[in-house]
Amino acid sequence: MSMTTTYAPVEPPREEIDALSGSSVIEFGAPWCGICQAAQPALAAAMAGHPEFRHVKIEDGPGRRLGRSYRVKLWPTLVVLRDGQEVARVVRPAGQREIEDALGVLSGK
């Protein structure tokens, strides 16, 4: 699998995310968010070492139910899932290592 580069403007229903099998990273943010843009190189580097992860990039904002269901308050927020269940979270990652640590929860790295 590979890293997704654009935010999906239409969020999938929570049931669809809950039904994902395997390892996934759900990234909540917005294309105009400077902090989200600044985090992309670290996220790309971390994801490159974990090809087993599915990356779902979802545009978040007021009235978006999926982000609220995960209690997202700041962007970017990365939610790490195993078989649709949250196992780790990174809010406004400071660098690649922080992301890798969250991904390592599932991969054992």
PDB file of N, CA and C in Angstrom:
ATOM      1  N   MET A   1       0.853  -1.177   0.000  1.00  0.00           N
ATOM      2  CA  MET A   1       0.000   0.000   0.000  1.00  0.00           C
ATOM      3  C   MET A   1       0.895   1.235   0.000  1.00  0.00           C
ATOM      4  N   SER A   2       0.326   2.355  -0.326  1.00  0.00           N
ATOM      5  CA  SER A   2       1.135   3.568  -0.377  1.00  0.00           C
ATOM      6  C   SER A   2       0.412   4.716   0.316  1.00  0.00           C
ATOM      7  N   MET A   3       1.177   5.774   0.519  1.00  0.00           N
ATOM      8  CA  MET A   3       0.622   6.941   1.191  1.00  0.00           C
ATOM      9  C   MET A   3      -0.300   7.701   0.241  1.00  0.00           C
ATOM     10  N   THR A   4      -1.424   8.106   0.752  1.00  0.00           N
ATOM     11  CA  THR A   4      -2.366   8.914  -0.004  1.00  0.00           C
ATOM     12  C   THR A   4      -1.889  10.364   0.059  1.00  0.00           C
ATOM     13  N   THR A   5      -1.964  11.086  -1.060  1.00  0.00           N
ATOM     14  CA  THR A   5      -1.425  12.443  -1.085  1.00  0.00           C
ATOM     15  C   THR A   5      -2.486  13.531  -1.035  1.00  0.00           C
ATOM     16  N   THR A   6      -3.744  13.191  -1.260  1.00  0.00           N
ATOM     17  CA  THR A   6      -4.782  14.222  -1.211  1.00  0.00           C
ATOM     18  C   THR A   6      -5.867  13.828  -0.205  1.00  0.00           C
ATOM     19  N   TYR A   7      -6.442  14.830   0.412  1.00  0.00           N
ATOM     20  CA  TYR A   7      -7.518  14.601   1.370  1.00  0.00           C
ATOM     21  C   TYR A   7      -8.807  14.271   0.626  1.00  0.00           C
ATOM     22  N   ALA A   8      -9.496  13.237   1.075  1.00  0.00           N
ATOM     23  CA  ALA A   8     -10.799  12.902   0.513  1.00  0.00           C
ATOM     24  C   ALA A   8     -11.787  13.969   0.973  1.00  0.00           C
ATOM     25  N   PRO A   9     -12.430  14.672   0.034  1.00  0.00           N
ATOM     26  CA  PRO A   9     -13.360  15.733   0.427  1.00  0.00           C
ATOM     27  C   PRO A   9     -14.663  15.199   1.022  1.00  0.00           C
ATOM     28  N   VAL A  10     -14.991  13.940   0.732  1.00  0.00           N
ATOM     29  CA  VAL A  10     -16.193  13.322   1.272  1.00  0.00           C
ATOM     30  C   VAL A  10     -15.736  12.222   2.224  1.00  0.00           C
ATOM     31  N   GLU A  11     -16.141  12.353   3.461  1.00  0.00           N
ATOM     32  CA  GLU A  11     -15.722  11.373   4.459  1.00  0.00           C
ATOM     33  C   GLU A  11     -16.518  10.081   4.327  1.00  0.00           C
ATOM     34  N   PRO A  12     -15.853   8.943   4.530  1.00  0.00           N
ATOM     35  CA  PRO A  12     -16.602   7.689   4.541  1.00  0.00           C
ATOM     36  C   PRO A  12     -17.387   7.574   5.845  1.00  0.00           C
ATOM     37  N   PRO A  13     -18.397   6.741   5.874  1.00  0.00           N
ATOM     38  CA  PRO A  13     -19.132   6.542   7.129  1.00  0.00           C
ATOM     39  C   PRO A  13     -18.250   5.827   8.154  1.00  0.00           C
ATOM     40  N   ARG A  14     -18.482   6.065   9.424  1.00  0.00           N
ATOM     41  CA  ARG A  14     -17.694   5.446  10.497  1.00  0.00           C
ATOM     42  C   ARG A  14     -17.728   3.919  10.389  1.00  0.00           C
ATOM     43  N   GLU A  15     -18.856   3.376   9.987  1.00  0.00           N
ATOM     44  CA  GLU A  15     -18.987   1.926   9.857  1.00  0.00           C
ATOM     45  C   GLU A  15     -17.963   1.372   8.867  1.00  0.00           C
ATOM     46  N   GLU A  16     -17.689   2.122   7.802  1.00  0.00           N
ATOM     47  CA  GLU A  16     -16.707   1.687   6.796  1.00  0.00           C
ATOM     48  C   GLU A  16     -15.297   1.657   7.393  1.00  0.00           C
ATOM     49  N   ILE A  17     -14.962   2.658   8.185  1.00  0.00           N
ATOM     50  CA  ILE A  17     -13.655   2.698   8.845  1.00  0.00           C
ATOM     51  C   ILE A  17     -13.562   1.576   9.880  1.00  0.00           C
ATOM     52  N   ASP A  18     -14.597   1.382  10.653  1.00  0.00           N
ATOM     53  CA  ASP A  18     -14.612   0.326  11.666  1.00  0.00           C
ATOM     54  C   ASP A  18     -14.453  -1.061  11.043  1.00  0.00           C
ATOM     55  N   ALA A  19     -14.856  -1.219   9.778  1.00  0.00           N
ATOM     56  CA  ALA A  19     -14.795  -2.516   9.102  1.00  0.00           C
ATOM     57  C   ALA A  19     -13.453  -2.760   8.398  1.00  0.00           C
ATOM     58  N   LEU A  20     -12.534  -1.796   8.418  1.00  0.00           N
ATOM     59  CA  LEU A  20     -11.242  -1.989   7.758  1.00  0.00           C
ATOM     60  C   LEU A  20     -10.483  -3.138   8.405  1.00  0.00           C
ATOM     61  N   SER A  21      -9.895  -3.977   7.583  1.00  0.00           N
ATOM     62  CA  SER A  21      -9.081  -5.066   8.119  1.00  0.00           C
ATOM     63  C   SER A  21      -7.611  -4.693   7.998  1.00  0.00           C
ATOM     64  N   GLY A  22      -6.801  -5.253   8.878  1.00  0.00           N
ATOM     65  CA  GLY A  22      -5.375  -4.987   8.839  1.00  0.00           C
ATOM     66  C   GLY A  22      -5.020  -3.671   9.507  1.00  0.00           C
ATOM     67  N   SER A  23      -3.847  -3.158   9.136  1.00  0.00           N
ATOM     68  CA  SER A  23      -3.291  -1.945   9.734  1.00  0.00           C
ATOM     69  C   SER A  23      -3.610  -0.724   8.878  1.00  0.00           C
ATOM     70  N   SER A  24      -4.086   0.335   9.523  1.00  0.00           N
ATOM     71  CA  SER A  24      -4.467   1.553   8.806  1.00  0.00           C
ATOM     72  C   SER A  24      -4.060   2.789   9.593  1.00  0.00           C
ATOM     73  N   VAL A  25      -3.807   3.860   8.867  1.00  0.00           N
ATOM     74  CA  VAL A  25      -3.604   5.180   9.459  1.00  0.00           C
ATOM     75  C   VAL A  25      -4.662   6.090   8.863  1.00  0.00           C
ATOM     76  N   ILE A  26      -5.486   6.655   9.718  1.00  0.00           N
ATOM     77  CA  ILE A  26      -6.483   7.621   9.280  1.00  0.00           C
ATOM     78  C   ILE A  26      -5.919   8.995   9.624  1.00  0.00           C
ATOM     79  N   GLU A  27      -5.721   9.821   8.609  1.00  0.00           N
ATOM     80  CA  GLU A  27      -5.174  11.166   8.804  1.00  0.00           C
ATOM     81  C   GLU A  27      -6.296  12.185   8.640  1.00  0.00           C
ATOM     82  N   PHE A  28      -6.550  12.943   9.689  1.00  0.00           N
ATOM     83  CA  PHE A  28      -7.537  14.016   9.638  1.00  0.00           C
ATOM     84  C   PHE A  28      -6.796  15.338   9.499  1.00  0.00           C
ATOM     85  N   GLY A  29      -7.232  16.169   8.571  1.00  0.00           N
ATOM     86  CA  GLY A  29      -6.616  17.471   8.365  1.00  0.00           C
ATOM     87  C   GLY A  29      -7.362  18.224   7.280  1.00  0.00           C
ATOM     88  N   ALA A  30      -6.679  19.185   6.675  1.00  0.00           N
ATOM     89  CA  ALA A  30      -7.270  19.979   5.596  1.00  0.00           C
ATOM     90  C   ALA A  30      -6.158  20.399   4.639  1.00  0.00           C
ATOM     91  N   PRO A  31      -6.463  20.508   3.343  1.00  0.00           N
ATOM     92  CA  PRO A  31      -5.424  20.841   2.370  1.00  0.00           C
ATOM     93  C   PRO A  31      -4.845  22.243   2.555  1.00  0.00           C
ATOM     94  N   TRP A  32      -5.583  23.137   3.180  1.00  0.00           N
ATOM     95  CA  TRP A  32      -5.112  24.515   3.384  1.00  0.00           C
ATOM     96  C   TRP A  32      -4.402  24.699   4.725  1.00  0.00           C
ATOM     97  N   CYS A  33      -4.331  23.646   5.541  1.00  0.00           N
ATOM     98  CA  CYS A  33      -3.736  23.712   6.877  1.00  0.00           C
ATOM     99  C   CYS A  33      -2.202  23.663   6.778  1.00  0.00           C
ATOM    100  N   GLY A  34      -1.554  24.735   7.197  1.00  0.00           N
ATOM    101  CA  GLY A  34      -0.101  24.813   7.128  1.00  0.00           C
ATOM    102  C   GLY A  34       0.601  23.773   7.983  1.00  0.00           C
ATOM    103  N   ILE A  35       0.045  23.475   9.148  1.00  0.00           N
ATOM    104  CA  ILE A  35       0.642  22.461  10.025  1.00  0.00           C
ATOM    105  C   ILE A  35       0.518  21.087   9.372  1.00  0.00           C
ATOM    106  N   CYS A  36      -0.595  20.832   8.710  1.00  0.00           N
ATOM    107  CA  CYS A  36      -0.786  19.563   8.001  1.00  0.00           C
ATOM    108  C   CYS A  36       0.235  19.436   6.870  1.00  0.00           C
ATOM    109  N   GLN A  37       0.419  20.507   6.123  1.00  0.00           N
ATOM    110  CA  GLN A  37       1.385  20.493   5.023  1.00  0.00           C
ATOM    111  C   GLN A  37       2.798  20.273   5.542  1.00  0.00           C
ATOM    112  N   ALA A  38       3.140  20.912   6.648  1.00  0.00           N
ATOM    113  CA  ALA A  38       4.484  20.780   7.219  1.00  0.00           C
ATOM    114  C   ALA A  38       4.750  19.359   7.716  1.00  0.00           C
ATOM    115  N   ALA A  39       3.717  18.626   8.104  1.00  0.00           N
ATOM    116  CA  ALA A  39       3.877  17.266   8.617  1.00  0.00           C
ATOM    117  C   ALA A  39       4.036  16.225   7.516  1.00  0.00           C
ATOM    118  N   GLN A  40       3.742  16.582   6.283  1.00  0.00           N
ATOM    119  CA  GLN A  40       3.736  15.590   5.207  1.00  0.00           C
ATOM    120  C   GLN A  40       5.086  14.906   4.960  1.00  0.00           C
ATOM    121  N   PRO A  41       6.223  15.612   4.951  1.00  0.00           N
ATOM    122  CA  PRO A  41       7.493  14.904   4.738  1.00  0.00           C
ATOM    123  C   PRO A  41       7.779  13.858   5.820  1.00  0.00           C
ATOM    124  N   ALA A  42       7.520  14.185   7.076  1.00  0.00           N
ATOM    125  CA  ALA A  42       7.745  13.228   8.161  1.00  0.00           C
ATOM    126  C   ALA A  42       6.789  12.046   8.038  1.00  0.00           C
ATOM    127  N   LEU A  43       5.552  12.308   7.671  1.00  0.00           N
ATOM    128  CA  LEU A  43       4.566  11.251   7.504  1.00  0.00           C
ATOM    129  C   LEU A  43       4.966  10.338   6.343  1.00  0.00           C
ATOM    130  N   ALA A  44       5.378  10.940   5.228  1.00  0.00           N
ATOM    131  CA  ALA A  44       5.794  10.150   4.060  1.00  0.00           C
ATOM    132  C   ALA A  44       6.994   9.268   4.397  1.00  0.00           C
ATOM    133  N   ALA A  45       7.964   9.815   5.124  1.00  0.00           N
ATOM    134  CA  ALA A  45       9.151   9.041   5.498  1.00  0.00           C
ATOM    135  C   ALA A  45       8.776   7.887   6.430  1.00  0.00           C
ATOM    136  N   ALA A  46       7.909   8.158   7.386  1.00  0.00           N
ATOM    137  CA  ALA A  46       7.481   7.109   8.317  1.00  0.00           C
ATOM    138  C   ALA A  46       6.671   6.032   7.594  1.00  0.00           C
ATOM    139  N   MET A  47       5.776   6.430   6.727  1.00  0.00           N
ATOM    140  CA  MET A  47       4.943   5.475   5.994  1.00  0.00           C
ATOM    141  C   MET A  47       5.773   4.623   5.037  1.00  0.00           C
ATOM    142  N   ALA A  48       6.850   5.173   4.501  1.00  0.00           N
ATOM    143  CA  ALA A  48       7.703   4.426   3.575  1.00  0.00           C
ATOM    144  C   ALA A  48       8.275   3.176   4.235  1.00  0.00           C
ATOM    145  N   GLY A  49       8.504   3.236   5.525  1.00  0.00           N
ATOM    146  CA  GLY A  49       9.023   2.086   6.252  1.00  0.00           C
ATOM    147  C   GLY A  49       7.964   1.101   6.710  1.00  0.00           C
ATOM    148  N   HIS A  50       6.712   1.386   6.387  1.00  0.00           N
ATOM    149  CA  HIS A  50       5.604   0.536   6.823  1.00  0.00           C
ATOM    150  C   HIS A  50       4.616   0.316   5.677  1.00  0.00           C
ATOM    151  N   PRO A  51       5.040  -0.383   4.624  1.00  0.00           N
ATOM    152  CA  PRO A  51       4.150  -0.564   3.464  1.00  0.00           C
ATOM    153  C   PRO A  51       2.894  -1.383   3.763  1.00  0.00           C
ATOM    154  N   GLU A  52       2.868  -2.054   4.913  1.00  0.00           N
ATOM    155  CA  GLU A  52       1.698  -2.857   5.262  1.00  0.00           C
ATOM    156  C   GLU A  52       0.513  -2.000   5.708  1.00  0.00           C
ATOM    157  N   PHE A  53       0.743  -0.700   5.935  1.00  0.00           N
ATOM    158  CA  PHE A  53      -0.319   0.183   6.403  1.00  0.00           C
ATOM    159  C   PHE A  53      -1.105   0.787   5.251  1.00  0.00           C
ATOM    160  N   ARG A  54      -2.411   0.807   5.408  1.00  0.00           N
ATOM    161  CA  ARG A  54      -3.312   1.554   4.518  1.00  0.00           C
ATOM    162  C   ARG A  54      -3.336   2.977   5.058  1.00  0.00           C
ATOM    163  N   HIS A  55      -3.273   3.966   4.172  1.00  0.00           N
ATOM    164  CA  HIS A  55      -3.315   5.372   4.585  1.00  0.00           C
ATOM    165  C   HIS A  55      -4.581   6.005   4.020  1.00  0.00           C
ATOM    166  N   VAL A  56      -5.428   6.503   4.894  1.00  0.00           N
ATOM    167  CA  VAL A  56      -6.668   7.159   4.494  1.00  0.00           C
ATOM    168  C   VAL A  56      -6.580   8.603   4.971  1.00  0.00           C
ATOM    169  N   LYS A  57      -6.630   9.514   4.029  1.00  0.00           N
ATOM    170  CA  LYS A  57      -6.464  10.939   4.312  1.00  0.00           C
ATOM    171  C   LYS A  57      -7.839  11.591   4.164  1.00  0.00           C
ATOM    172  N   ILE A  58      -8.374  12.137   5.253  1.00  0.00           N
ATOM    173  CA  ILE A  58      -9.744  12.649   5.247  1.00  0.00           C
ATOM    174  C   ILE A  58      -9.762  14.123   5.626  1.00  0.00           C
ATOM    175  N   GLU A  59     -10.390  14.918   4.758  1.00  0.00           N
ATOM    176  CA  GLU A  59     -10.550  16.348   5.052  1.00  0.00           C
ATOM    177  C   GLU A  59     -11.541  16.492   6.195  1.00  0.00           C
ATOM    178  N   ASP A  60     -11.127  17.230   7.206  1.00  0.00           N
ATOM    179  CA  ASP A  60     -11.946  17.403   8.397  1.00  0.00           C
ATOM    180  C   ASP A  60     -12.379  18.860   8.493  1.00  0.00           C
ATOM    181  N   GLY A  61     -13.353  19.126   9.306  1.00  0.00           N
ATOM    182  CA  GLY A  61     -13.811  20.497   9.504  1.00  0.00           C
ATOM    183  C   GLY A  61     -15.136  20.518  10.230  1.00  0.00           C
ATOM    184  N   PRO A  62     -15.682  21.706  10.436  1.00  0.00           N
ATOM    185  CA  PRO A  62     -16.962  21.830  11.141  1.00  0.00           C
ATOM    186  C   PRO A  62     -18.050  20.986  10.467  1.00  0.00           C
ATOM    187  N   GLY A  63     -18.803  20.302  11.285  1.00  0.00           N
ATOM    188  CA  GLY A  63     -19.907  19.501  10.774  1.00  0.00           C
ATOM    189  C   GLY A  63     -19.512  18.158  10.207  1.00  0.00           C
ATOM    190  N   ARG A  64     -18.229  17.825  10.268  1.00  0.00           N
ATOM    191  CA  ARG A  64     -17.778  16.527   9.752  1.00  0.00           C
ATOM    192  C   ARG A  64     -17.897  15.490  10.865  1.00  0.00           C
ATOM    193  N   ARG A  65     -18.762  14.536  10.655  1.00  0.00           N
ATOM    194  CA  ARG A  65     -19.087  13.568  11.701  1.00  0.00           C
ATOM    195  C   ARG A  65     -17.954  12.598  12.017  1.00  0.00           C
ATOM    196  N   LEU A  66     -17.201  12.178  11.000  1.00  0.00           N
ATOM    197  CA  LEU A  66     -16.177  11.175  11.245  1.00  0.00           C
ATOM    198  C   LEU A  66     -15.109  11.708  12.199  1.00  0.00           C
ATOM    199  N   GLY A  67     -14.623  12.917  11.957  1.00  0.00           N
ATOM    200  CA  GLY A  67     -13.636  13.518  12.857  1.00  0.00           C
ATOM    201  C   GLY A  67     -14.174  13.687  14.267  1.00  0.00           C
ATOM    202  N   ARG A  68     -15.436  14.077  14.377  1.00  0.00           N
ATOM    203  CA  ARG A  68     -16.024  14.233  15.707  1.00  0.00           C
ATOM    204  C   ARG A  68     -16.144  12.886  16.411  1.00  0.00           C
ATOM    205  N   SER A  69     -16.430  11.827  15.643  1.00  0.00           N
ATOM    206  CA  SER A  69     -16.569  10.508  16.262  1.00  0.00           C
ATOM    207  C   SER A  69     -15.244  10.021  16.844  1.00  0.00           C
ATOM    208  N   TYR A  70     -14.128  10.545  16.318  1.00  0.00           N
ATOM    209  CA  TYR A  70     -12.802  10.236  16.857  1.00  0.00           C
ATOM    210  C   TYR A  70     -12.309  11.334  17.806  1.00  0.00           C
ATOM    211  N   ARG A  71     -13.144  12.296  18.094  1.00  0.00           N
ATOM    212  CA  ARG A  71     -12.820  13.415  18.994  1.00  0.00           C
ATOM    213  C   ARG A  71     -11.594  14.201  18.513  1.00  0.00           C
ATOM    214  N   VAL A  72     -11.502  14.398  17.204  1.00  0.00           N
ATOM    215  CA  VAL A  72     -10.407  15.181  16.624  1.00  0.00           C
ATOM    216  C   VAL A  72     -10.637  16.647  16.941  1.00  0.00           C
ATOM    217  N   LYS A  73      -9.613  17.295  17.489  1.00  0.00           N
ATOM    218  CA  LYS A  73      -9.705  18.717  17.826  1.00  0.00           C
ATOM    219  C   LYS A  73      -8.609  19.533  17.145  1.00  0.00           C
ATOM    220  N   LEU A  74      -7.475  18.917  16.845  1.00  0.00           N
ATOM    221  CA  LEU A  74      -6.355  19.605  16.200  1.00  0.00           C
ATOM    222  C   LEU A  74      -5.921  18.826  14.963  1.00  0.00           C
ATOM    223  N   TRP A  75      -5.377  19.553  14.002  1.00  0.00           N
ATOM    224  CA  TRP A  75      -4.878  18.920  12.778  1.00  0.00           C
ATOM    225  C   TRP A  75      -3.376  19.056  12.694  1.00  0.00           C
ATOM    226  N   PRO A  76      -2.722  18.140  12.044  1.00  0.00           N
ATOM    227  CA  PRO A  76      -3.251  16.838  11.678  1.00  0.00           C
ATOM    228  C   PRO A  76      -3.351  15.924  12.892  1.00  0.00           C
ATOM    229  N   THR A  77      -4.312  15.043  12.833  1.00  0.00           N
ATOM    230  CA  THR A  77      -4.427  13.971  13.817  1.00  0.00           C
ATOM    231  C   THR A  77      -4.342  12.661  13.045  1.00  0.00           C
ATOM    232  N   LEU A  78      -3.430  11.802  13.476  1.00  0.00           N
ATOM    233  CA  LEU A  78      -3.259  10.489  12.869  1.00  0.00           C
ATOM    234  C   LEU A  78      -3.805   9.451  13.842  1.00  0.00           C
ATOM    235  N   VAL A  79      -4.747   8.654  13.376  1.00  0.00           N
ATOM    236  CA  VAL A  79      -5.331   7.599  14.194  1.00  0.00           C
ATOM    237  C   VAL A  79      -4.867   6.271  13.597  1.00  0.00           C
ATOM    238  N   VAL A  80      -4.161   5.486  14.392  1.00  0.00           N
ATOM    239  CA  VAL A  80      -3.639   4.197  13.946  1.00  0.00           C
ATOM    240  C   VAL A  80      -4.637   3.123  14.364  1.00  0.00           C
ATOM    241  N   LEU A  81      -5.045   2.319  13.385  1.00  0.00           N
ATOM    242  CA  LEU A  81      -6.061   1.292  13.620  1.00  0.00           C
ATOM    243  C   LEU A  81      -5.540  -0.100  13.318  1.00  0.00           C
ATOM    244  N   ARG A  82      -6.007  -1.069  14.086  1.00  0.00           N
ATOM    245  CA  ARG A  82      -5.840  -2.489  13.760  1.00  0.00           C
ATOM    246  C   ARG A  82      -7.242  -3.058  13.644  1.00  0.00           C
ATOM    247  N   ASP A  83      -7.554  -3.548  12.467  1.00  0.00           N
ATOM    248  CA  ASP A  83      -8.885  -4.114  12.213  1.00  0.00           C
ATOM    249  C   ASP A  83      -9.994  -3.174  12.677  1.00  0.00           C
ATOM    250  N   GLY A  84      -9.837  -1.881  12.356  1.00  0.00           N
ATOM    251  CA  GLY A  84     -10.860  -0.883  12.641  1.00  0.00           C
ATOM    252  C   GLY A  84     -10.879  -0.349  14.060  1.00  0.00           C
ATOM    253  N   GLN A  85      -9.976  -0.826  14.925  1.00  0.00           N
ATOM    254  CA  GLN A  85      -9.942  -0.389  16.318  1.00  0.00           C
ATOM    255  C   GLN A  85      -8.712   0.476  16.571  1.00  0.00           C
ATOM    256  N   GLU A  86      -8.900   1.619  17.214  1.00  0.00           N
ATOM    257  CA  GLU A  86      -7.792   2.520  17.494  1.00  0.00           C
ATOM    258  C   GLU A  86      -6.811   1.893  18.484  1.00  0.00           C
ATOM    259  N   VAL A  87      -5.515   1.949  18.107  1.00  0.00           N
ATOM    260  CA  VAL A  87      -4.460   1.438  18.990  1.00  0.00           C
ATOM    261  C   VAL A  87      -3.424   2.510  19.327  1.00  0.00           C
ATOM    262  N   ALA A  88      -3.388   3.587  18.545  1.00  0.00           N
ATOM    263  CA  ALA A  88      -2.448   4.678  18.802  1.00  0.00           C
ATOM    264  C   ALA A  88      -2.967   5.931  18.113  1.00  0.00           C
ATOM    265  N   ARG A  89      -2.438   7.073  18.559  1.00  0.00           N
ATOM    266  CA  ARG A  89      -2.852   8.362  17.999  1.00  0.00           C
ATOM    267  C   ARG A  89      -1.683   9.324  18.110  1.00  0.00           C
ATOM    268  N   VAL A  90      -1.524  10.148  17.082  1.00  0.00           N
ATOM    269  CA  VAL A  90      -0.517  11.211  17.102  1.00  0.00           C
ATOM    270  C   VAL A  90      -1.229  12.497  16.691  1.00  0.00           C
ATOM    271  N   VAL A  91      -1.144  13.507  17.544  1.00  0.00           N
ATOM    272  CA  VAL A  91      -1.753  14.804  17.257  1.00  0.00           C
ATOM    273  C   VAL A  91      -0.631  15.807  16.996  1.00  0.00           C
ATOM    274  N   ARG A  92      -0.696  16.449  15.843  1.00  0.00           N
ATOM    275  CA  ARG A  92       0.329  17.414  15.437  1.00  0.00           C
ATOM    276  C   ARG A  92       1.739  16.851  15.634  1.00  0.00           C
ATOM    277  N   PRO A  93       2.075  15.829  14.861  1.00  0.00           N
ATOM    278  CA  PRO A  93       3.376  15.176  15.044  1.00  0.00           C
ATOM    279  C   PRO A  93       4.534  16.150  14.898  1.00  0.00           C
ATOM    280  N   ALA A  94       5.497  16.011  15.820  1.00  0.00           N
ATOM    281  CA  ALA A  94       6.675  16.881  15.827  1.00  0.00           C
ATOM    282  C   ALA A  94       7.745  16.380  14.859  1.00  0.00           C
ATOM    283  N   GLY A  95       7.639  15.142  14.413  1.00  0.00           N
ATOM    284  CA  GLY A  95       8.642  14.606  13.506  1.00  0.00           C
ATOM    285  C   GLY A  95       8.375  13.162  13.158  1.00  0.00           C
ATOM    286  N   GLN A  96       9.240  12.641  12.321  1.00  0.00           N
ATOM    287  CA  GLN A  96       9.104  11.285  11.814  1.00  0.00           C
ATOM    288  C   GLN A  96       9.112  10.248  12.937  1.00  0.00           C
ATOM    289  N   ARG A  97       9.973  10.421  13.913  1.00  0.00           N
ATOM    290  CA  ARG A  97      10.113   9.440  14.993  1.00  0.00           C
ATOM    291  C   ARG A  97       8.801   9.239  15.761  1.00  0.00           C
ATOM    292  N   GLU A  98       8.101  10.316  16.030  1.00  0.00           N
ATOM    293  CA  GLU A  98       6.822  10.231  16.748  1.00  0.00           C
ATOM    294  C   GLU A  98       5.806   9.397  15.967  1.00  0.00           C
ATOM    295  N   ILE A  99       5.793   9.576  14.653  1.00  0.00           N
ATOM    296  CA  ILE A  99       4.884   8.812  13.796  1.00  0.00           C
ATOM    297  C   ILE A  99       5.312   7.351  13.758  1.00  0.00           C
ATOM    298  N   GLU A 100       6.614   7.121  13.586  1.00  0.00           N
ATOM    299  CA  GLU A 100       7.121   5.753  13.552  1.00  0.00           C
ATOM    300  C   GLU A 100       6.826   5.005  14.848  1.00  0.00           C
ATOM    301  N   ASP A 101       6.927   5.692  15.974  1.00  0.00           N
ATOM    302  CA  ASP A 101       6.614   5.065  17.256  1.00  0.00           C
ATOM    303  C   ASP A 101       5.152   4.594  17.286  1.00  0.00           C
ATOM    304  N   ALA A 102       4.242   5.411  16.768  1.00  0.00           N
ATOM    305  CA  ALA A 102       2.830   5.040  16.736  1.00  0.00           C
ATOM    306  C   ALA A 102       2.598   3.866  15.788  1.00  0.00           C
ATOM    307  N   LEU A 103       3.246   3.876  14.642  1.00  0.00           N
ATOM    308  CA  LEU A 103       3.099   2.775  13.687  1.00  0.00           C
ATOM    309  C   LEU A 103       3.720   1.502  14.236  1.00  0.00           C
ATOM    310  N   GLY A 104       4.779   1.648  15.011  1.00  0.00           N
ATOM    311  CA  GLY A 104       5.472   0.507  15.591  1.00  0.00           C
ATOM    312  C   GLY A 104       4.637  -0.269  16.587  1.00  0.00           C
ATOM    313  N   VAL A 105       3.587   0.355  17.106  1.00  0.00           N
ATOM    314  CA  VAL A 105       2.679  -0.334  18.037  1.00  0.00           C
ATOM    315  C   VAL A 105       2.130  -1.585  17.381  1.00  0.00           C
ATOM    316  N   LEU A 106       1.863  -1.505  16.070  1.00  0.00           N
ATOM    317  CA  LEU A 106       1.296  -2.653  15.354  1.00  0.00           C
ATOM    318  C   LEU A 106       2.334  -3.509  14.661  1.00  0.00           C
ATOM    319  N   SER A 107       3.376  -2.883  14.157  1.00  0.00           N
ATOM    320  CA  SER A 107       4.330  -3.640  13.347  1.00  0.00           C
ATOM    321  C   SER A 107       5.446  -4.272  14.166  1.00  0.00           C
ATOM    322  N   GLY A 108       5.574  -3.904  15.424  1.00  0.00           N
ATOM    323  CA  GLY A 108       6.621  -4.474  16.254  1.00  0.00           C
ATOM    324  C   GLY A 108       7.997  -3.893  15.992  1.00  0.00           C
ATOM    325  N   LYS A 109       8.054  -2.797  15.243  1.00  0.00           N
ATOM    326  CA  LYS A 109       9.353  -2.167  14.934  1.00  0.00           C
ATOM    327  C   LYS A 109       9.710  -1.164  15.989  1.00  0.00           C
TER     328      LYS A 109
END
